[in-house]
Each structure stands twice: as structure tokens, then as C-alpha cells.
Amino acid sequence: MSNHLLLSIAGLTKVFGGLVAVNQISFDIQAGEVVGLLGPNGSGKTTLMNLISGALRPTQGSVTLEGRRLTGLPPHRIAATGVARTFQLVRVLPSLSALENVMVGAVFGPDQVSPGAARAVARSVLERVGLGGREHLHPAEMTYIDQKRIELARALAADPRILLLDEWLAGLNPTELQTGIELIRSLQAEGRTVLMVEHVMDAIRSLCDRCVVMSAGSKLAEGTPAEVLANPDVIRAYLGDDHA
């Protein structure tokens, strides 16, 4: 982890009608950090990821990447600046092979490489996530974790400055979970910057440098995993008053 400020979120707010889904959220991410975005279901975590990636436009506030304002740009423009993501529900293109799915990330990433170069990048990244030799398969022929690997490989093919993982470890069995944690740990060792929404506390404890906790759309706490998971307000938000 460096002392280089990569992503800055300032006063980010999203209102749907009368519902404030994200309320004045502010925090920074340094290059090379793995930051966990925690909170009970419905706390606004995925909405915040959608605001960062451009899937939603904020009501107010800003997102900047190395000083460049991303707020208001469409998703493909934000992707081209170096922001890549996975989704809470896996989004792969079922009519395309694993290789073709991952090529999409390379073609639309910051470098926007040619189709020929994208093919080479896709093969390399599929090997990197453990899908070497299976690039010809379609998603329907693959297991759930392998579909998640395709989606992760597609994000990595863009060589992003920051990777947004929205519950990438959700739905995995214990063996797959350990495989997934090791894969993210290897990205961390490469110096990748990651913002991850996650409920798997073993993953949070072992992977995250720092955590931001949301509750009812607002930031509830920020600190190391040990600090936030011992915070009575965080325990109360997850488990109720009897456990705080």
C-alpha cells in the first residue's frame, strides 16, 4: 500500500423519491489498499458501488479518481478511466465463450486494445484466475465459482486502477470460498487496489486493510477490521441491541 490517494468519495448522496439510499458518504482509498465496504442488507452498499461505477448518478456529492472527477460520466467512460467491477448477481454474456466474455473487458478498458490483442490478454487473465484450458466453454457449461471467475477475469482484463467487488465471495461452498479468498489475496499481493462489499467476515479479517461500515445509507464506522468489528454501533447494526 502506498500513500498515493487514488479514489476520493465526498458527500455522495442518492435519493430515490423520498428514500435516501446513500446519505453524505465520504472516504478515501489509497493506491494498493483493500477496503471492505460492510453493512447489513439494505444499508446502501451496492447503491454506492453503482454510484462509483456510473450505473447510477448521484443526487449530490462527487467521486474523483486521481483528481479526475468521475461524477456524471456514463459507465463506459468511467470504465475507460480505470474503474472495473463485478456484480452482486453474476453478469456474464451467456451466448459468448469464456474467452469472448473476457475480451470485452480488454476492448473497453483504459487501453482499448485491438481484438487480436484482447484475445491474448483474455487468455492470460483466464489462466491467472484458474480457467486456463477452459476458455472455449460457455458460462452455462461452468460451475458458479467459474462463472464468477469469468466476471473477475473480465474486470482484470481492463487492467483497472481500482477493482470493485460486490459480494464476489457470496454463494460459494467452504472449499470454493477458500479458493476465492486466496485469489483475492494474490491480487492484493500484486498491489491491486480493491473496494469490496462483503459479508464473509473471515475474508474481511484476512484481506482488508481498512473497512467502511454503512447502516441505513449513512457511514457508521471506519477503521481496521478489528476496530470496526468490535465497535458496539456496528454490532448493534448487524445483530440488534441485545448483542451490542
C-alpha atoms as a PDB file:
ATOM      1  CA  MET A   1       0.000   0.000   0.000  1.00  0.00           C
ATOM      2  CA  SER A   2       1.279   3.462  -0.905  1.00  0.00           C
ATOM      3  CA  ASN A   3       0.467   6.949   0.375  1.00  0.00           C
ATOM      4  CA  HIS A   4      -0.883   7.870  -3.042  1.00  0.00           C
ATOM      5  CA  LEU A   5      -4.537   8.954  -2.945  1.00  0.00           C
ATOM      6  CA  LEU A   6      -6.365   7.061  -5.674  1.00  0.00           C
ATOM      7  CA  LEU A   7     -10.131   7.368  -5.123  1.00  0.00           C
ATOM      8  CA  SER A   8     -11.938  10.074  -3.184  1.00  0.00           C
ATOM      9  CA  ILE A   9     -15.643   9.937  -2.339  1.00  0.00           C
ATOM     10  CA  ALA A  10     -17.047  13.197  -0.955  1.00  0.00           C
ATOM     11  CA  GLY A  11     -20.584  13.765   0.319  1.00  0.00           C
ATOM     12  CA  LEU A  12     -22.024  11.131  -2.011  1.00  0.00           C
ATOM     13  CA  THR A  13     -25.813  11.044  -1.773  1.00  0.00           C
ATOM     14  CA  LYS A  14     -28.533   9.229  -3.707  1.00  0.00           C
ATOM     15  CA  VAL A  15     -32.239   9.892  -3.191  1.00  0.00           C
ATOM     16  CA  PHE A  16     -34.959   7.772  -4.808  1.00  0.00           C
ATOM     17  CA  GLY A  17     -38.178   9.725  -4.442  1.00  0.00           C
ATOM     18  CA  GLY A  18     -38.422  10.223  -0.684  1.00  0.00           C
ATOM     19  CA  LEU A  19     -35.917   7.469   0.167  1.00  0.00           C
ATOM     20  CA  VAL A  20     -32.339   8.468   0.961  1.00  0.00           C
ATOM     21  CA  ALA A  21     -30.440   5.334  -0.090  1.00  0.00           C
ATOM     22  CA  VAL A  22     -26.957   6.835   0.337  1.00  0.00           C
ATOM     23  CA  ASN A  23     -26.530   9.764   2.685  1.00  0.00           C
ATOM     24  CA  GLN A  24     -23.443  12.005   2.614  1.00  0.00           C
ATOM     25  CA  ILE A  25     -20.863   9.218   2.343  1.00  0.00           C
ATOM     26  CA  SER A  26     -17.211  10.332   2.347  1.00  0.00           C
ATOM     27  CA  PHE A  27     -13.984   8.329   2.441  1.00  0.00           C
ATOM     28  CA  ASP A  28     -10.705   7.966   0.541  1.00  0.00           C
ATOM     29  CA  ILE A  29      -8.850   4.946  -0.813  1.00  0.00           C
ATOM     30  CA  GLN A  30      -5.073   4.866  -1.192  1.00  0.00           C
ATOM     31  CA  ALA A  31      -3.391   3.050  -4.078  1.00  0.00           C
ATOM     32  CA  GLY A  32      -2.765  -0.584  -3.140  1.00  0.00           C
ATOM     33  CA  GLU A  33      -5.382  -0.691  -0.363  1.00  0.00           C
ATOM     34  CA  VAL A  34      -8.019  -3.372   0.002  1.00  0.00           C
ATOM     35  CA  VAL A  35     -11.007  -1.686   1.631  1.00  0.00           C
ATOM     36  CA  GLY A  36     -14.055  -3.581   2.846  1.00  0.00           C
ATOM     37  CA  LEU A  37     -17.482  -1.976   2.485  1.00  0.00           C
ATOM     38  CA  LEU A  38     -19.637  -3.532   5.190  1.00  0.00           C
ATOM     39  CA  GLY A  39     -23.167  -3.204   6.480  1.00  0.00           C
ATOM     40  CA  PRO A  40     -26.389  -5.152   6.903  1.00  0.00           C
ATOM     41  CA  ASN A  41     -28.587  -5.877   3.893  1.00  0.00           C
ATOM     42  CA  GLY A  42     -30.294  -2.739   2.630  1.00  0.00           C
ATOM     43  CA  SER A  43     -27.678  -0.368   4.035  1.00  0.00           C
ATOM     44  CA  GLY A  44     -26.833   1.115   0.620  1.00  0.00           C
ATOM     45  CA  LYS A  45     -23.590  -0.694  -0.244  1.00  0.00           C
ATOM     46  CA  THR A  46     -24.499  -1.782  -3.769  1.00  0.00           C
ATOM     47  CA  THR A  47     -26.078   1.605  -4.456  1.00  0.00           C
ATOM     48  CA  LEU A  48     -22.758   3.188  -3.501  1.00  0.00           C
ATOM     49  CA  MET A  49     -20.911   0.835  -5.874  1.00  0.00           C
ATOM     50  CA  ASN A  50     -23.365   1.810  -8.610  1.00  0.00           C
ATOM     51  CA  LEU A  51     -22.668   5.481  -7.954  1.00  0.00           C
ATOM     52  CA  ILE A  52     -18.900   4.955  -8.194  1.00  0.00           C
ATOM     53  CA  SER A  53     -19.126   2.928 -11.416  1.00  0.00           C
ATOM     54  CA  GLY A  54     -21.669   5.230 -13.076  1.00  0.00           C
ATOM     55  CA  ALA A  55     -24.612   2.829 -13.145  1.00  0.00           C
ATOM     56  CA  LEU A  56     -26.419   5.492 -11.093  1.00  0.00           C
ATOM     57  CA  ARG A  57     -25.941   9.250 -10.975  1.00  0.00           C
ATOM     58  CA  PRO A  58     -25.670  10.787  -7.512  1.00  0.00           C
ATOM     59  CA  THR A  59     -28.151  13.328  -6.223  1.00  0.00           C
ATOM     60  CA  GLN A  60     -25.163  15.210  -4.836  1.00  0.00           C
ATOM     61  CA  GLY A  61     -21.523  14.680  -3.941  1.00  0.00           C
ATOM     62  CA  SER A  62     -18.560  13.613  -6.024  1.00  0.00           C
ATOM     63  CA  VAL A  63     -16.255  10.744  -6.938  1.00  0.00           C
ATOM     64  CA  THR A  64     -12.735  11.516  -8.154  1.00  0.00           C
ATOM     65  CA  LEU A  65     -10.035   9.158  -9.395  1.00  0.00           C
ATOM     66  CA  GLU A  66      -6.533  10.607  -9.024  1.00  0.00           C
ATOM     67  CA  GLY A  67      -8.069  14.070  -9.071  1.00  0.00           C
ATOM     68  CA  ARG A  68     -10.255  13.447 -12.131  1.00  0.00           C
ATOM     69  CA  ARG A  69     -13.952  13.941 -11.453  1.00  0.00           C
ATOM     70  CA  LEU A  70     -15.977  10.884 -12.444  1.00  0.00           C
ATOM     71  CA  THR A  71     -19.354  12.160 -11.240  1.00  0.00           C
ATOM     72  CA  GLY A  72     -21.850  12.367 -14.088  1.00  0.00           C
ATOM     73  CA  LEU A  73     -19.809  10.368 -16.602  1.00  0.00           C
ATOM     74  CA  PRO A  74     -21.523   7.369 -18.230  1.00  0.00           C
ATOM     75  CA  PRO A  75     -20.348   3.887 -17.171  1.00  0.00           C
ATOM     76  CA  HIS A  76     -18.246   3.234 -20.290  1.00  0.00           C
ATOM     77  CA  ARG A  77     -16.358   6.492 -19.765  1.00  0.00           C
ATOM     78  CA  ILE A  78     -15.735   5.642 -16.109  1.00  0.00           C
ATOM     79  CA  ALA A  79     -14.543   2.168 -17.123  1.00  0.00           C
ATOM     80  CA  ALA A  80     -12.109   3.791 -19.525  1.00  0.00           C
ATOM     81  CA  THR A  81     -10.560   5.788 -16.663  1.00  0.00           C
ATOM     82  CA  GLY A  82      -9.625   2.550 -14.870  1.00  0.00           C
ATOM     83  CA  VAL A  83     -12.646   1.514 -12.780  1.00  0.00           C
ATOM     84  CA  ALA A  84     -13.754  -2.112 -13.212  1.00  0.00           C
ATOM     85  CA  ARG A  85     -16.326  -4.084 -11.263  1.00  0.00           C
ATOM     86  CA  THR A  86     -18.104  -7.336 -10.641  1.00  0.00           C
ATOM     87  CA  PHE A  87     -21.770  -7.556  -9.688  1.00  0.00           C
ATOM     88  CA  GLN A  88     -23.738  -8.930  -6.751  1.00  0.00           C
ATOM     89  CA  LEU A  89     -25.528 -11.239  -9.192  1.00  0.00           C
ATOM     90  CA  VAL A  90     -23.088 -12.621 -11.761  1.00  0.00           C
ATOM     91  CA  ARG A  91     -23.418 -10.848 -15.100  1.00  0.00           C
ATOM     92  CA  VAL A  92     -21.789 -12.806 -17.885  1.00  0.00           C
ATOM     93  CA  LEU A  93     -22.796 -12.912 -21.542  1.00  0.00           C
ATOM     94  CA  PRO A  94     -24.284 -16.409 -21.968  1.00  0.00           C
ATOM     95  CA  SER A  95     -24.020 -16.500 -25.765  1.00  0.00           C
ATOM     96  CA  LEU A  96     -20.265 -15.867 -25.652  1.00  0.00           C
ATOM     97  CA  SER A  97     -17.475 -18.205 -24.621  1.00  0.00           C
ATOM     98  CA  ALA A  98     -15.392 -17.515 -21.523  1.00  0.00           C
ATOM     99  CA  LEU A  99     -12.665 -16.105 -23.784  1.00  0.00           C
ATOM    100  CA  GLU A 100     -15.064 -13.789 -25.603  1.00  0.00           C
ATOM    101  CA  ASN A 101     -16.589 -12.606 -22.315  1.00  0.00           C
ATOM    102  CA  VAL A 102     -13.166 -11.584 -21.027  1.00  0.00           C
ATOM    103  CA  MET A 103     -12.142  -9.967 -24.315  1.00  0.00           C
ATOM    104  CA  VAL A 104     -14.940  -7.446 -23.734  1.00  0.00           C
ATOM    105  CA  GLY A 105     -13.102  -6.137 -20.671  1.00  0.00           C
ATOM    106  CA  ALA A 106      -9.871  -5.631 -22.584  1.00  0.00           C
ATOM    107  CA  VAL A 107     -11.542  -3.912 -25.530  1.00  0.00           C
ATOM    108  CA  PHE A 108     -13.472  -1.434 -23.367  1.00  0.00           C
ATOM    109  CA  GLY A 109     -10.787  -0.851 -20.712  1.00  0.00           C
ATOM    110  CA  PRO A 110      -8.457   2.149 -20.453  1.00  0.00           C
ATOM    111  CA  ASP A 111      -6.137   0.892 -23.216  1.00  0.00           C
ATOM    112  CA  GLN A 112      -8.986  -0.202 -25.537  1.00  0.00           C
ATOM    113  CA  VAL A 113      -6.780  -2.733 -27.306  1.00  0.00           C
ATOM    114  CA  SER A 114      -7.462  -4.323 -30.686  1.00  0.00           C
ATOM    115  CA  PRO A 115      -9.462  -7.565 -30.870  1.00  0.00           C
ATOM    116  CA  GLY A 116      -6.284  -9.528 -31.577  1.00  0.00           C
ATOM    117  CA  ALA A 117      -4.506  -8.104 -28.564  1.00  0.00           C
ATOM    118  CA  ALA A 118      -7.663  -8.524 -26.471  1.00  0.00           C
ATOM    119  CA  ARG A 119      -7.651 -12.257 -27.248  1.00  0.00           C
ATOM    120  CA  ALA A 120      -4.108 -12.580 -25.917  1.00  0.00           C
ATOM    121  CA  VAL A 121      -4.955 -10.563 -22.806  1.00  0.00           C
ATOM    122  CA  ALA A 122      -8.079 -12.669 -22.188  1.00  0.00           C
ATOM    123  CA  ARG A 123      -6.143 -15.942 -22.415  1.00  0.00           C
ATOM    124  CA  SER A 124      -3.555 -14.655 -19.960  1.00  0.00           C
ATOM    125  CA  VAL A 125      -6.118 -13.402 -17.451  1.00  0.00           C
ATOM    126  CA  LEU A 126      -8.214 -16.583 -17.650  1.00  0.00           C
ATOM    127  CA  GLU A 127      -5.057 -18.523 -16.814  1.00  0.00           C
ATOM    128  CA  ARG A 128      -4.463 -16.082 -13.964  1.00  0.00           C
ATOM    129  CA  VAL A 129      -7.860 -16.813 -12.334  1.00  0.00           C
ATOM    130  CA  GLY A 130      -7.611 -20.578 -12.794  1.00  0.00           C
ATOM    131  CA  LEU A 131      -9.571 -21.071 -16.021  1.00  0.00           C
ATOM    132  CA  GLY A 132      -6.696 -21.899 -18.337  1.00  0.00           C
ATOM    133  CA  GLY A 133      -7.712 -24.508 -20.908  1.00  0.00           C
ATOM    134  CA  ARG A 134     -11.424 -23.782 -20.462  1.00  0.00           C
ATOM    135  CA  GLU A 135     -11.615 -20.552 -22.408  1.00  0.00           C
ATOM    136  CA  HIS A 136     -13.714 -22.211 -25.152  1.00  0.00           C
ATOM    137  CA  LEU A 137     -16.538 -23.126 -22.730  1.00  0.00           C
ATOM    138  CA  HIS A 138     -19.713 -21.102 -22.369  1.00  0.00           C
ATOM    139  CA  PRO A 139     -20.874 -19.934 -18.909  1.00  0.00           C
ATOM    140  CA  ALA A 140     -23.750 -22.444 -18.811  1.00  0.00           C
ATOM    141  CA  GLU A 141     -21.188 -25.259 -19.015  1.00  0.00           C
ATOM    142  CA  MET A 142     -19.306 -23.999 -15.973  1.00  0.00           C
ATOM    143  CA  THR A 143     -19.793 -24.021 -12.196  1.00  0.00           C
ATOM    144  CA  TYR A 144     -20.942 -20.975 -10.241  1.00  0.00           C
ATOM    145  CA  ILE A 145     -17.459 -20.128  -8.975  1.00  0.00           C
ATOM    146  CA  ASP A 146     -16.109 -20.445 -12.505  1.00  0.00           C
ATOM    147  CA  GLN A 147     -18.756 -18.029 -13.763  1.00  0.00           C
ATOM    148  CA  LYS A 148     -17.587 -15.658 -11.030  1.00  0.00           C
ATOM    149  CA  ARG A 149     -14.035 -16.204 -12.230  1.00  0.00           C
ATOM    150  CA  ILE A 150     -15.078 -15.216 -15.756  1.00  0.00           C
ATOM    151  CA  GLU A 151     -16.573 -11.999 -14.426  1.00  0.00           C
ATOM    152  CA  LEU A 152     -13.451 -11.277 -12.355  1.00  0.00           C
ATOM    153  CA  ALA A 153     -11.221 -12.027 -15.341  1.00  0.00           C
ATOM    154  CA  ARG A 154     -13.275  -9.655 -17.484  1.00  0.00           C
ATOM    155  CA  ALA A 155     -12.706  -6.893 -14.919  1.00  0.00           C
ATOM    156  CA  LEU A 156      -8.983  -7.672 -14.667  1.00  0.00           C
ATOM    157  CA  ALA A 157      -8.594  -7.705 -18.451  1.00  0.00           C
ATOM    158  CA  ALA A 158      -9.072  -3.945 -18.348  1.00  0.00           C
ATOM    159  CA  ASP A 159      -6.034  -3.674 -16.005  1.00  0.00           C
ATOM    160  CA  PRO A 160      -8.052  -1.352 -13.743  1.00  0.00           C
ATOM    161  CA  ARG A 161      -6.655   1.175 -11.310  1.00  0.00           C
ATOM    162  CA  ILE A 162      -9.381   0.163  -8.860  1.00  0.00           C
ATOM    163  CA  LEU A 163     -11.421  -3.034  -8.756  1.00  0.00           C
ATOM    164  CA  LEU A 164     -14.927  -3.009  -7.263  1.00  0.00           C
ATOM    165  CA  LEU A 165     -16.034  -6.433  -5.988  1.00  0.00           C
ATOM    166  CA  ASP A 166     -19.704  -6.628  -4.987  1.00  0.00           C
ATOM    167  CA  GLU A 167     -20.089  -9.761  -2.815  1.00  0.00           C
ATOM    168  CA  TRP A 168     -17.805 -11.736  -5.131  1.00  0.00           C
ATOM    169  CA  LEU A 169     -17.424 -14.449  -2.478  1.00  0.00           C
ATOM    170  CA  ALA A 170     -21.167 -14.858  -1.847  1.00  0.00           C
ATOM    171  CA  GLY A 171     -22.776 -18.232  -2.542  1.00  0.00           C
ATOM    172  CA  LEU A 172     -19.576 -20.265  -2.517  1.00  0.00           C
ATOM    173  CA  ASN A 173     -19.160 -23.506  -0.595  1.00  0.00           C
ATOM    174  CA  PRO A 174     -16.350 -23.656   2.015  1.00  0.00           C
ATOM    175  CA  THR A 175     -13.768 -25.060  -0.406  1.00  0.00           C
ATOM    176  CA  GLU A 176     -14.659 -22.547  -3.119  1.00  0.00           C
ATOM    177  CA  LEU A 177     -14.605 -19.772  -0.520  1.00  0.00           C
ATOM    178  CA  GLN A 178     -11.004 -20.535   0.434  1.00  0.00           C
ATOM    179  CA  THR A 179     -10.075 -20.629  -3.255  1.00  0.00           C
ATOM    180  CA  GLY A 180     -11.765 -17.260  -3.755  1.00  0.00           C
ATOM    181  CA  ILE A 181     -10.040 -15.682  -0.754  1.00  0.00           C
ATOM    182  CA  GLU A 182      -6.649 -16.900  -1.989  1.00  0.00           C
ATOM    183  CA  LEU A 183      -7.363 -15.466  -5.430  1.00  0.00           C
ATOM    184  CA  ILE A 184      -8.193 -12.036  -3.991  1.00  0.00           C
ATOM    185  CA  ARG A 185      -5.138 -12.273  -1.718  1.00  0.00           C
ATOM    186  CA  SER A 186      -2.967 -12.850  -4.787  1.00  0.00           C
ATOM    187  CA  LEU A 187      -4.405  -9.699  -6.380  1.00  0.00           C
ATOM    188  CA  GLN A 188      -3.614  -7.853  -3.160  1.00  0.00           C
ATOM    189  CA  ALA A 189      -0.021  -9.126  -3.353  1.00  0.00           C
ATOM    190  CA  GLU A 190       0.232  -7.670  -6.860  1.00  0.00           C
ATOM    191  CA  GLY A 191      -0.609  -4.239  -5.435  1.00  0.00           C
ATOM    192  CA  ARG A 192      -4.157  -4.101  -6.810  1.00  0.00           C
ATOM    193  CA  THR A 193      -6.496  -1.537  -5.250  1.00  0.00           C
ATOM    194  CA  VAL A 194      -9.804  -3.120  -4.279  1.00  0.00           C
ATOM    195  CA  LEU A 195     -13.072  -1.925  -2.764  1.00  0.00           C
ATOM    196  CA  MET A 196     -15.072  -4.998  -1.784  1.00  0.00           C
ATOM    197  CA  VAL A 197     -18.615  -5.352  -0.485  1.00  0.00           C
ATOM    198  CA  GLU A 198     -18.572  -8.476   1.635  1.00  0.00           C
ATOM    199  CA  HIS A 199     -20.431 -10.319   4.396  1.00  0.00           C
ATOM    200  CA  VAL A 200     -17.873 -13.103   4.864  1.00  0.00           C
ATOM    201  CA  MET A 201     -16.061 -11.943   7.990  1.00  0.00           C
ATOM    202  CA  ASP A 202     -13.155 -14.392   7.602  1.00  0.00           C
ATOM    203  CA  ALA A 203     -12.454 -12.727   4.251  1.00  0.00           C
ATOM    204  CA  ILE A 204     -12.750  -9.241   5.744  1.00  0.00           C
ATOM    205  CA  ARG A 205     -10.337 -10.073   8.559  1.00  0.00           C
ATOM    206  CA  SER A 206      -7.749 -11.687   6.308  1.00  0.00           C
ATOM    207  CA  LEU A 207      -7.893  -9.415   3.268  1.00  0.00           C
ATOM    208  CA  CYS A 208      -8.870  -5.871   4.235  1.00  0.00           C
ATOM    209  CA  ASP A 209      -6.511  -3.122   5.312  1.00  0.00           C
ATOM    210  CA  ARG A 210      -9.450  -0.958   6.355  1.00  0.00           C
ATOM    211  CA  CYS A 211     -13.235  -1.087   6.448  1.00  0.00           C
ATOM    212  CA  VAL A 212     -16.068   1.382   5.966  1.00  0.00           C
ATOM    213  CA  VAL A 213     -19.367   0.360   7.559  1.00  0.00           C
ATOM    214  CA  MET A 214     -22.740   1.612   6.331  1.00  0.00           C
ATOM    215  CA  SER A 215     -26.108   1.492   8.037  1.00  0.00           C
ATOM    216  CA  ALA A 216     -29.379   2.880   6.664  1.00  0.00           C
ATOM    217  CA  GLY A 217     -27.466   4.726   3.930  1.00  0.00           C
ATOM    218  CA  SER A 218     -25.025   6.537   6.227  1.00  0.00           C
ATOM    219  CA  LYS A 219     -21.444   5.844   7.233  1.00  0.00           C
ATOM    220  CA  LEU A 220     -21.489   4.234  10.657  1.00  0.00           C
ATOM    221  CA  ALA A 221     -17.796   3.499  11.246  1.00  0.00           C
ATOM    222  CA  GLU A 222     -14.385   3.405   9.597  1.00  0.00           C
ATOM    223  CA  GLY A 223     -11.149   1.741  10.687  1.00  0.00           C
ATOM    224  CA  THR A 224      -9.248  -1.522  10.670  1.00  0.00           C
ATOM    225  CA  PRO A 225     -11.280  -4.753  10.558  1.00  0.00           C
ATOM    226  CA  ALA A 226     -10.561  -5.369  14.242  1.00  0.00           C
ATOM    227  CA  GLU A 227     -11.691  -1.875  15.179  1.00  0.00           C
ATOM    228  CA  VAL A 228     -14.951  -1.841  13.254  1.00  0.00           C
ATOM    229  CA  LEU A 229     -15.964  -5.411  14.113  1.00  0.00           C
ATOM    230  CA  ALA A 230     -15.546  -4.615  17.824  1.00  0.00           C
ATOM    231  CA  ASN A 231     -17.481  -1.342  17.540  1.00  0.00           C
ATOM    232  CA  PRO A 232     -20.741  -1.570  19.552  1.00  0.00           C
ATOM    233  CA  ASP A 233     -22.613   0.504  16.955  1.00  0.00           C
ATOM    234  CA  VAL A 234     -21.561  -1.935  14.228  1.00  0.00           C
ATOM    235  CA  ILE A 235     -22.553  -4.951  16.333  1.00  0.00           C
ATOM    236  CA  ARG A 236     -25.896  -3.289  17.050  1.00  0.00           C
ATOM    237  CA  ALA A 237     -26.497  -2.602  13.328  1.00  0.00           C
ATOM    238  CA  TYR A 238     -25.859  -6.248  12.444  1.00  0.00           C
ATOM    239  CA  LEU A 239     -27.274  -8.094  15.452  1.00  0.00           C
ATOM    240  CA  GLY A 240     -29.529  -5.680  17.371  1.00  0.00           C
ATOM    241  CA  ASP A 241     -29.359  -4.018  20.779  1.00  0.00           C
ATOM    242  CA  ASP A 242     -29.169  -7.282  22.751  1.00  0.00           C
ATOM    243  CA  HIS A 243     -25.737  -8.059  21.300  1.00  0.00           C
ATOM    244  CA  ALA A 244     -24.126  -4.581  21.450  1.00  0.00           C
END
